[in-house]
Protein backbone atom coordinates (compact mmCIF):
# COMPACT_ATOMS: atom_id res chain seq x y z
CA MET A 1 -2.69 -9.45 11.21
CA LEU A 2 -0.93 -9.43 7.83
CA VAL A 3 0.41 -6.03 6.79
CA CYS A 4 1.40 -5.26 3.19
CA ILE A 5 3.97 -2.52 2.59
CA PRO A 6 4.89 -1.58 -1.00
CA THR A 7 8.68 -1.36 -1.16
CA GLN A 8 11.42 -0.26 -3.52
CA GLY A 9 13.49 -3.40 -3.02
CA ASN A 10 13.69 -6.70 -1.22
CA ALA A 11 15.81 -5.66 1.78
CA GLY A 12 13.06 -6.26 4.37
CA VAL A 13 13.03 -3.91 7.37
CA ASP A 14 15.94 -1.90 5.93
CA ASP A 15 14.09 -1.14 2.70
CA LYS A 16 12.24 2.03 1.71
CA VAL A 17 8.49 2.34 1.31
CA ASN A 18 7.71 2.82 -2.38
CA GLU A 19 5.75 5.95 -3.26
CA HIS A 20 3.16 4.04 -5.30
CA PHE A 21 1.26 0.97 -4.11
CA GLY A 22 0.35 -0.60 -7.44
CA SER A 23 3.67 -0.01 -9.17
CA ALA A 24 5.95 -0.90 -6.26
CA PRO A 25 8.65 -3.32 -7.39
CA PHE A 26 8.10 -5.44 -4.26
CA PHE A 27 5.61 -6.00 -1.47
CA THR A 28 6.94 -6.61 2.02
CA LEU A 29 4.45 -8.63 4.06
CA TYR A 30 4.72 -8.40 7.84
CA ASP A 31 2.83 -10.91 10.00
CA SER A 32 2.17 -9.26 13.35
CA ALA A 33 1.25 -12.59 14.96
CA ASN A 34 4.72 -14.09 14.62
CA GLY A 35 6.93 -11.21 13.39
CA GLU A 36 7.74 -12.98 10.12
CA ILE A 37 8.51 -11.02 6.98
CA LYS A 38 7.92 -12.27 3.44
CA ILE A 39 8.92 -10.36 0.33
CA LEU A 40 7.08 -10.72 -2.97
CA GLU A 41 8.05 -9.32 -6.33
CA ASN A 42 5.17 -7.32 -7.84
CA ARG A 43 4.40 -9.12 -11.10
CA ASN A 44 2.16 -6.21 -12.18
CA ALA A 45 4.49 -3.30 -11.42
CA HIS A 46 4.48 -2.01 -15.01
CA HIS A 47 1.01 -0.92 -16.04
CA SER A 48 -0.96 2.03 -17.32
CA HIS A 49 -2.32 4.42 -14.71
CA GLY A 50 -5.56 3.15 -13.22
CA THR A 51 -5.18 -0.39 -14.56
CA CYS A 52 -3.07 -2.05 -11.91
CA HIS A 53 -4.45 -4.96 -9.91
CA PRO A 54 -1.91 -5.74 -7.17
CA MET A 55 -4.54 -7.48 -5.08
CA ASN A 56 -4.85 -10.17 -7.75
CA GLN A 57 -1.41 -11.30 -6.61
CA LEU A 58 -1.90 -10.53 -2.91
CA THR A 59 -5.38 -12.04 -2.41
CA ARG A 60 -4.05 -15.51 -1.62
CA TYR A 61 -2.11 -14.11 1.34
CA HIS A 62 -5.24 -12.65 3.01
CA VAL A 63 -3.76 -9.20 3.61
CA ASP A 64 -5.52 -7.34 6.44
CA CYS A 65 -4.10 -3.88 5.80
CA VAL A 66 -1.82 -1.88 3.53
CA VAL A 67 0.60 0.76 4.77
CA CYS A 68 1.65 3.11 1.99
CA SER A 69 2.55 6.71 1.15
CA GLY A 70 -0.65 7.24 -0.77
CA MET A 71 -3.35 5.59 -2.81
CA GLY A 72 -6.22 6.64 -5.06
CA ARG A 73 -9.73 7.07 -3.71
CA ARG A 74 -11.24 4.23 -5.78
CA ALA A 75 -8.57 1.83 -4.56
CA ILE A 76 -9.03 2.84 -0.92
CA GLU A 77 -12.79 2.43 -1.15
CA ALA A 78 -12.54 -0.91 -2.99
CA LEU A 79 -10.03 -2.33 -0.50
CA ASN A 80 -12.02 -1.00 2.46
CA THR A 81 -15.08 -2.79 1.04
CA GLU A 82 -13.05 -6.01 1.13
CA GLY A 83 -12.22 -5.34 4.80
CA ILE A 84 -8.68 -4.17 4.09
CA LYS A 85 -7.67 -1.00 5.93
CA ILE A 86 -5.25 1.50 4.37
CA TYR A 87 -2.82 3.31 6.65
CA GLN A 88 -0.52 6.26 5.96
CA ALA A 89 3.16 5.35 6.25
CA ASP A 90 4.84 7.68 8.72
CA SER A 91 8.40 6.95 7.62
CA GLU A 92 10.29 5.98 4.49
CA ARG A 93 11.96 3.03 6.26
CA VAL A 94 10.01 -0.24 6.48
CA GLY A 95 11.35 -1.07 9.95
CA ASN A 96 10.06 2.26 11.31
CA VAL A 97 6.67 1.70 9.68
CA ILE A 98 6.42 -1.73 11.32
CA GLU A 99 7.28 -0.22 14.71
CA SER A 100 4.60 2.45 14.21
CA PHE A 101 2.11 -0.26 13.26
CA LYS A 102 2.94 -2.29 16.38
CA SER A 103 2.56 0.84 18.53
CA GLN A 104 -0.78 1.64 16.82
CA ARG A 105 0.48 5.08 15.74
CA LEU A 106 -0.53 4.81 12.09
CA VAL A 107 -3.50 6.79 10.80
CA GLU A 108 -5.99 5.38 8.33
CA ILE A 109 -6.02 7.22 4.98
CA ASP A 110 -9.26 9.09 4.42
CA PRO A 111 -10.56 8.51 0.86
CA ALA A 112 -11.23 12.29 0.69
CA LYS A 113 -7.45 12.84 0.96
CA ALA A 114 -6.59 10.19 -1.60
CA CYS A 115 -4.41 10.70 -4.63
CA HIS A 116 -6.29 11.99 -7.66
CA GLY A 117 -4.11 10.75 -10.48
CA GLN A 118 -0.61 10.58 -11.85
CA GLY A 119 1.16 13.84 -11.11
CA GLN A 120 -1.76 15.50 -9.32
CA GLN A 121 -1.46 16.52 -5.71
CA GLY A 122 -4.93 17.89 -4.91
CA GLY A 123 -5.03 16.78 -1.27
CA CYS A 124 -3.01 13.62 -1.83
CA ALA A 125 -1.38 12.09 1.22
CA HIS A 126 1.97 11.82 -0.62
CA GLY A 127 4.76 13.98 0.69
CA GLN A 128 3.80 13.55 4.34
CA LEU A 129 6.62 11.08 4.92
CA GLU A 130 9.90 12.29 6.28
CA GLY A 131 11.77 13.45 3.19
CA GLY A 132 8.78 12.68 0.96
CA GLN A 133 8.63 13.98 -2.58
CA GLY A 134 4.99 15.09 -2.60
CA ARG A 135 4.45 13.96 -6.19
CA GLY A 136 0.99 12.49 -5.74
CA ALA A 137 0.34 9.36 -7.77
CA GLY A 138 -2.89 7.55 -8.28
CA PHE A 139 -3.84 3.92 -8.07
CA GLY A 140 -7.04 2.49 -9.39
CA LEU A 141 -8.59 -0.92 -9.52
CA GLY A 142 -10.41 -0.26 -12.76
CA PRO A 143 -13.69 -1.78 -13.92
CA GLY A 144 -14.23 -5.51 -13.75
CA ARG A 145 -12.03 -5.89 -10.67
CA GLY A 146 -13.59 -9.22 -9.71
CA GLN A 147 -11.25 -10.33 -6.96
CA GLY A 148 -12.04 -11.14 -3.38
CA ARG A 149 -10.06 -12.00 -0.31
CA GLY A 150 -10.85 -15.68 -0.53
CA GLY A 151 -11.89 -18.01 2.27
CA GLN A 152 -10.36 -17.62 5.68
């Protein structure tokens, strides 16, 4: 299973989970089948709220799930439709998140508890991490999304 974790840097397991999925500077990909880690720079990190399309870059890797601090409802629903599960990160450190994933301790994010928009908390999952800021940021796929996971 290929796990995508939005990260603040490119330090692998020692890095911190970024608060926002779509605007994370990097994506750390963890392959649970072989334990390999690959780090990608997010080429779409700078965007207007609701217009990011990180899966355009990640589609070719056939990501099975995303582990993040929070994500907008539309993004969760769109990714779930593509068969991609969204899990709540339970730590700020990537290595701890990977251990939680391997131990099956992560909880899927309920779209009803998704982030509602930039700067709005309203039930957002943000701030549940150890030392989290609780800012609540949104992520949307926007109209005309048009990407799929590709052939297996």
